[in-house]
Amino acid sequence: MSLCALVALLAGSAQAERVVAGLSQEAIAITTNFAGSEILIYGAVQRAAPPPGSAPLEVIVTVQGPSQPVTIRRKERRFGIWVNADASLIDAAPSFYAVSTTAPLAQALSQTEDLRHRITLDQAIRAVGTGRVDQPLFNAALIRIRSQDGAYQLNEGAVRFREDTLFDTAIRLPANLTEGDYLTRIILTRGGAVVDLHEQIIPVRKVGLERWIYTLAHERPLIYGILSLVIAIAAGWMASAVFRYIRS
């Protein structure tokens, strides 16, 4: 590498904008009374020089849960009843996906960068090799259903950006979280292009009694079934005893 190229490379890296971010929770514990949680994501833009260019700096925050295969079925009314007429298998769909931005997503991110980093909901869902012309319709149906449940969120303008340096946003996690690692990404863009990207994992785990019941059901199903039967019989007997006592 020539001396001029090395100097240009060092100058470019010195002027690069970088994100420094933090989370209000490093991990989430799912207990028996877990009713959802809220994560505060905050940070700052680190610069070694004045901001380059005239295009505004934008911040995009995503939180993505574990991906799983999903079958989407389309129903049609036939002979007066609704039946499953067609189905499509989506190879990998996030169990939870939230996107928060400082500006409308189409303004903050170009389509090329979206294809590269898979940021929008459409890109986060992967349906590979289906060969279906109408596959986007099934993807849109999945997004619509999970958006109604709060599992998919698009919060444009929800990231507060102060003095082109400090930012923060809050993302609500529903009660029916899937256990696993949740990937948090903070993305800086300027003119639609990604300037910097910071990633952090939030582990979501069942703990306490919830963990014990989950482990028992999956690793000792026979013991779990017998225990469930015993508890049901005991509960029925106690209820019957209480009713007899009230009547007497």
Protein backbone atom coordinates (compact mmCIF):
# COMPACT_ATOMS: atom_id res chain seq x y z
CA MET A 1 0.00 0.00 0.00
CA SER A 2 1.36 3.42 -0.96
CA LEU A 3 1.94 6.15 1.61
CA CYS A 4 -0.81 8.33 0.11
CA ALA A 5 -3.35 5.49 0.26
CA LEU A 6 -2.41 4.75 3.87
CA VAL A 7 -2.83 8.41 4.85
CA ALA A 8 -6.23 8.54 3.11
CA LEU A 9 -7.34 5.37 4.90
CA LEU A 10 -6.31 6.71 8.30
CA ALA A 11 -8.03 10.03 7.61
CA GLY A 12 -11.24 8.26 6.59
CA SER A 13 -11.27 6.12 9.72
CA ALA A 14 -10.58 9.16 11.92
CA GLN A 15 -13.66 10.92 10.50
CA ALA A 16 -15.88 7.87 10.77
CA GLU A 17 -18.97 8.16 12.96
CA ARG A 18 -19.36 5.35 15.45
CA VAL A 19 -22.17 4.39 17.80
CA VAL A 20 -21.68 3.79 21.52
CA ALA A 21 -24.79 2.19 23.02
CA GLY A 22 -26.15 0.56 26.16
CA LEU A 23 -29.24 -1.34 27.34
CA SER A 24 -31.29 -0.92 30.49
CA GLN A 25 -31.42 -4.74 30.83
CA GLU A 26 -28.58 -7.13 30.01
CA ALA A 27 -30.86 -10.18 30.40
CA ILE A 28 -34.57 -10.98 30.82
CA ALA A 29 -35.89 -13.61 33.21
CA ILE A 30 -39.24 -15.27 32.46
CA THR A 31 -40.98 -16.17 35.71
CA THR A 32 -44.44 -17.51 36.46
CA ASN A 33 -45.83 -13.97 36.80
CA PHE A 34 -43.95 -12.51 33.81
CA ALA A 35 -46.21 -9.96 32.07
CA GLY A 36 -43.80 -8.54 29.51
CA SER A 37 -40.92 -6.14 29.82
CA GLU A 38 -39.59 -2.89 28.41
CA ILE A 39 -36.01 -2.33 27.26
CA LEU A 40 -34.52 1.15 27.14
CA ILE A 41 -31.88 1.42 24.44
CA TYR A 42 -29.67 4.50 24.56
CA GLY A 43 -26.35 5.72 23.28
CA ALA A 44 -24.32 8.40 21.58
CA VAL A 45 -22.59 9.03 18.28
CA GLN A 46 -18.82 9.22 18.63
CA ARG A 47 -16.98 11.46 16.18
CA ALA A 48 -13.37 12.43 15.62
CA ALA A 49 -14.33 15.24 13.20
CA PRO A 50 -17.36 17.37 12.27
CA PRO A 51 -20.23 15.46 10.62
CA PRO A 52 -19.51 14.82 6.94
CA GLY A 53 -21.88 15.97 4.18
CA SER A 54 -25.27 17.62 4.46
CA ALA A 55 -27.49 14.53 4.73
CA PRO A 56 -28.91 14.10 8.26
CA LEU A 57 -27.77 11.23 10.45
CA GLU A 58 -30.48 8.68 11.28
CA VAL A 59 -30.66 5.93 13.91
CA ILE A 60 -32.39 2.58 13.44
CA VAL A 61 -32.83 0.16 16.35
CA THR A 62 -33.92 -3.46 15.87
CA VAL A 63 -34.59 -6.25 18.37
CA GLN A 64 -34.94 -9.73 16.88
CA GLY A 65 -35.98 -12.93 18.64
CA PRO A 66 -35.11 -16.51 17.66
CA SER A 67 -36.23 -17.50 14.16
CA GLN A 68 -38.44 -20.53 13.54
CA PRO A 69 -40.16 -22.13 10.54
CA VAL A 70 -43.80 -21.11 10.18
CA THR A 71 -46.61 -22.48 8.01
CA ILE A 72 -49.12 -19.87 6.84
CA ARG A 73 -52.49 -21.15 5.67
CA ARG A 74 -54.97 -19.36 3.46
CA LYS A 75 -58.65 -20.00 4.04
CA GLU A 76 -61.46 -19.84 1.52
CA ARG A 77 -65.22 -20.06 1.90
CA ARG A 78 -66.53 -23.18 0.23
CA PHE A 79 -70.08 -24.50 0.46
CA GLY A 80 -70.79 -22.03 3.26
CA ILE A 81 -67.84 -23.01 5.49
CA TRP A 82 -64.25 -21.76 5.81
CA VAL A 83 -61.59 -24.34 4.92
CA ASN A 84 -57.80 -24.30 4.47
CA ALA A 85 -57.35 -23.91 0.73
CA ASP A 86 -53.60 -23.31 0.47
CA ALA A 87 -50.47 -23.14 2.62
CA SER A 88 -46.90 -21.91 2.38
CA LEU A 89 -43.89 -22.78 4.54
CA ILE A 90 -41.71 -19.86 5.63
CA ASP A 91 -38.22 -21.18 6.35
CA ALA A 92 -37.34 -18.73 9.13
CA ALA A 93 -39.45 -16.03 10.75
CA PRO A 94 -38.42 -14.17 13.90
CA SER A 95 -40.59 -14.97 16.91
CA PHE A 96 -40.27 -11.27 17.80
CA TYR A 97 -39.09 -8.34 15.70
CA ALA A 98 -39.19 -4.64 16.49
CA VAL A 99 -37.87 -1.73 14.43
CA SER A 100 -37.64 1.81 15.81
CA THR A 101 -36.30 4.75 13.82
CA THR A 102 -35.68 8.48 14.00
CA ALA A 103 -37.34 9.05 10.62
CA PRO A 104 -39.56 7.12 8.19
CA LEU A 105 -37.75 3.89 7.37
CA ALA A 106 -37.86 4.49 3.61
CA GLN A 107 -36.06 7.78 4.20
CA ALA A 108 -33.48 6.45 6.66
CA LEU A 109 -32.48 3.32 4.74
CA SER A 110 -31.90 2.53 1.07
CA GLN A 111 -33.17 -0.69 -0.48
CA THR A 112 -29.61 -1.81 -1.21
CA GLU A 113 -28.59 -1.49 2.43
CA ASP A 114 -31.79 -3.20 3.50
CA LEU A 115 -30.96 -6.20 1.29
CA ARG A 116 -27.45 -6.30 2.74
CA HIS A 117 -28.34 -6.04 6.43
CA ARG A 118 -31.94 -7.40 6.44
CA ILE A 119 -33.43 -4.62 8.56
CA THR A 120 -37.07 -4.27 7.50
CA LEU A 121 -39.73 -6.80 8.46
CA ASP A 122 -39.97 -8.03 4.87
CA GLN A 123 -36.25 -8.82 4.77
CA ALA A 124 -36.18 -10.40 8.25
CA ILE A 125 -38.59 -13.12 7.06
CA ARG A 126 -36.92 -15.74 4.87
CA ALA A 127 -38.90 -17.89 2.49
CA VAL A 128 -36.26 -19.63 0.40
CA GLY A 129 -36.98 -21.90 -2.52
CA THR A 130 -40.79 -21.82 -2.39
CA GLY A 131 -41.00 -20.76 -6.02
CA ARG A 132 -44.38 -19.17 -5.36
CA VAL A 133 -45.34 -16.04 -7.21
CA ASP A 134 -47.74 -15.12 -4.40
CA GLN A 135 -45.21 -15.71 -1.57
CA PRO A 136 -45.18 -11.97 -0.64
CA LEU A 137 -48.90 -12.30 0.18
CA PHE A 138 -48.17 -15.03 2.74
CA ASN A 139 -45.29 -12.99 4.19
CA ALA A 140 -47.58 -9.96 4.49
CA ALA A 141 -50.23 -12.12 6.22
CA LEU A 142 -47.67 -13.28 8.80
CA ILE A 143 -46.55 -9.70 9.44
CA ARG A 144 -50.18 -8.56 9.82
CA ILE A 145 -51.06 -11.36 12.27
CA ARG A 146 -47.99 -10.92 14.45
CA SER A 147 -48.26 -7.13 14.36
CA GLN A 148 -51.74 -7.43 15.86
CA ASP A 149 -50.29 -9.57 18.67
CA GLY A 150 -47.44 -7.13 19.34
CA ALA A 151 -44.80 -9.64 18.23
CA TYR A 152 -43.87 -7.48 15.21
CA GLN A 153 -43.48 -3.73 15.66
CA LEU A 154 -42.59 -0.86 13.36
CA ASN A 155 -42.14 2.35 15.36
CA GLU A 156 -41.12 5.10 12.97
CA GLY A 157 -40.03 8.26 14.74
CA ALA A 158 -39.81 6.49 18.12
CA VAL A 159 -36.05 7.04 18.48
CA ARG A 160 -35.37 10.42 20.10
CA PHE A 161 -32.25 12.07 18.71
CA ARG A 162 -30.83 15.04 20.61
CA GLU A 163 -28.32 17.50 19.16
CA ASP A 164 -27.34 14.97 16.49
CA THR A 165 -25.42 13.04 19.17
CA LEU A 166 -27.54 11.43 21.92
CA PHE A 167 -30.38 9.00 21.21
CA ASP A 168 -32.73 6.72 23.13
CA THR A 169 -35.83 4.62 22.59
CA ALA A 170 -37.93 2.06 24.49
CA ILE A 171 -39.12 -1.24 23.03
CA ARG A 172 -41.93 -3.21 24.63
CA LEU A 173 -41.55 -6.99 24.82
CA PRO A 174 -44.81 -8.99 25.09
CA ALA A 175 -45.57 -11.57 27.77
CA ASN A 176 -45.44 -14.57 25.41
CA LEU A 177 -41.72 -14.31 24.65
CA THR A 178 -39.92 -17.26 23.10
CA GLU A 179 -36.89 -18.34 25.10
CA GLY A 180 -33.55 -17.70 23.40
CA ASP A 181 -31.05 -15.02 22.44
CA TYR A 182 -32.47 -11.70 21.22
CA LEU A 183 -30.23 -9.75 18.86
CA THR A 184 -30.23 -5.98 19.36
CA ARG A 185 -28.80 -3.82 16.58
CA ILE A 186 -28.21 -0.07 16.61
CA ILE A 187 -27.59 1.19 13.09
CA LEU A 188 -26.38 4.63 12.02
CA THR A 189 -27.27 5.74 8.50
CA ARG A 190 -26.57 8.85 6.49
CA GLY A 191 -28.16 9.42 3.10
CA GLY A 192 -29.66 5.93 3.30
CA ALA A 193 -26.26 4.23 3.66
CA VAL A 194 -25.17 2.38 6.79
CA VAL A 195 -22.37 4.26 8.57
CA ASP A 196 -21.92 2.03 11.61
CA LEU A 197 -23.63 -0.93 13.27
CA HIS A 198 -23.50 -2.08 16.89
CA GLU A 199 -24.84 -5.48 18.00
CA GLN A 200 -25.60 -6.91 21.42
CA ILE A 201 -27.28 -10.10 22.60
CA ILE A 202 -30.03 -10.11 25.24
CA PRO A 203 -30.53 -13.62 26.68
CA VAL A 204 -34.14 -14.45 27.54
CA ARG A 205 -34.43 -17.45 29.86
CA LYS A 206 -37.05 -19.12 32.04
CA VAL A 207 -36.05 -19.14 35.72
CA GLY A 208 -37.33 -20.55 39.01
CA LEU A 209 -40.53 -22.61 38.93
CA GLU A 210 -41.13 -21.75 35.28
CA ARG A 211 -37.71 -23.20 34.36
CA TRP A 212 -38.32 -26.33 36.44
CA ILE A 213 -41.73 -27.00 34.85
CA TYR A 214 -40.37 -26.39 31.34
CA THR A 215 -37.40 -28.72 31.88
CA LEU A 216 -39.60 -31.41 33.44
CA ALA A 217 -42.11 -31.29 30.57
CA HIS A 218 -39.42 -31.57 27.87
CA GLU A 219 -36.89 -33.88 29.52
CA ARG A 220 -39.12 -36.05 31.78
CA PRO A 221 -42.52 -36.11 30.03
CA LEU A 222 -43.68 -39.28 31.86
CA ILE A 223 -42.99 -37.80 35.30
CA TYR A 224 -44.57 -34.51 34.17
CA GLY A 225 -47.73 -36.33 33.04
CA ILE A 226 -48.02 -38.32 36.28
CA LEU A 227 -47.43 -35.21 38.38
CA SER A 228 -50.05 -33.27 36.40
CA LEU A 229 -52.55 -36.08 36.93
CA VAL A 230 -51.85 -36.19 40.68
CA ILE A 231 -52.25 -32.41 40.96
CA ALA A 232 -55.54 -32.52 39.02
CA ILE A 233 -56.92 -35.30 41.26
CA ALA A 234 -55.82 -33.47 44.41
CA ALA A 235 -57.37 -30.20 43.21
CA GLY A 236 -60.64 -31.95 42.39
CA TRP A 237 -60.74 -33.67 45.77
CA MET A 238 -60.04 -30.40 47.61
CA ALA A 239 -62.76 -28.60 45.65
CA SER A 240 -65.23 -31.38 46.45
CA ALA A 241 -64.29 -31.26 50.15
CA VAL A 242 -64.80 -27.49 50.25
CA PHE A 243 -68.26 -27.76 48.64
CA ARG A 244 -69.31 -30.50 51.11
CA TYR A 245 -68.14 -28.34 54.00
CA ILE A 246 -70.09 -25.31 52.70
CA ARG A 247 -73.29 -27.35 52.31
CA SER A 248 -73.05 -28.90 55.77
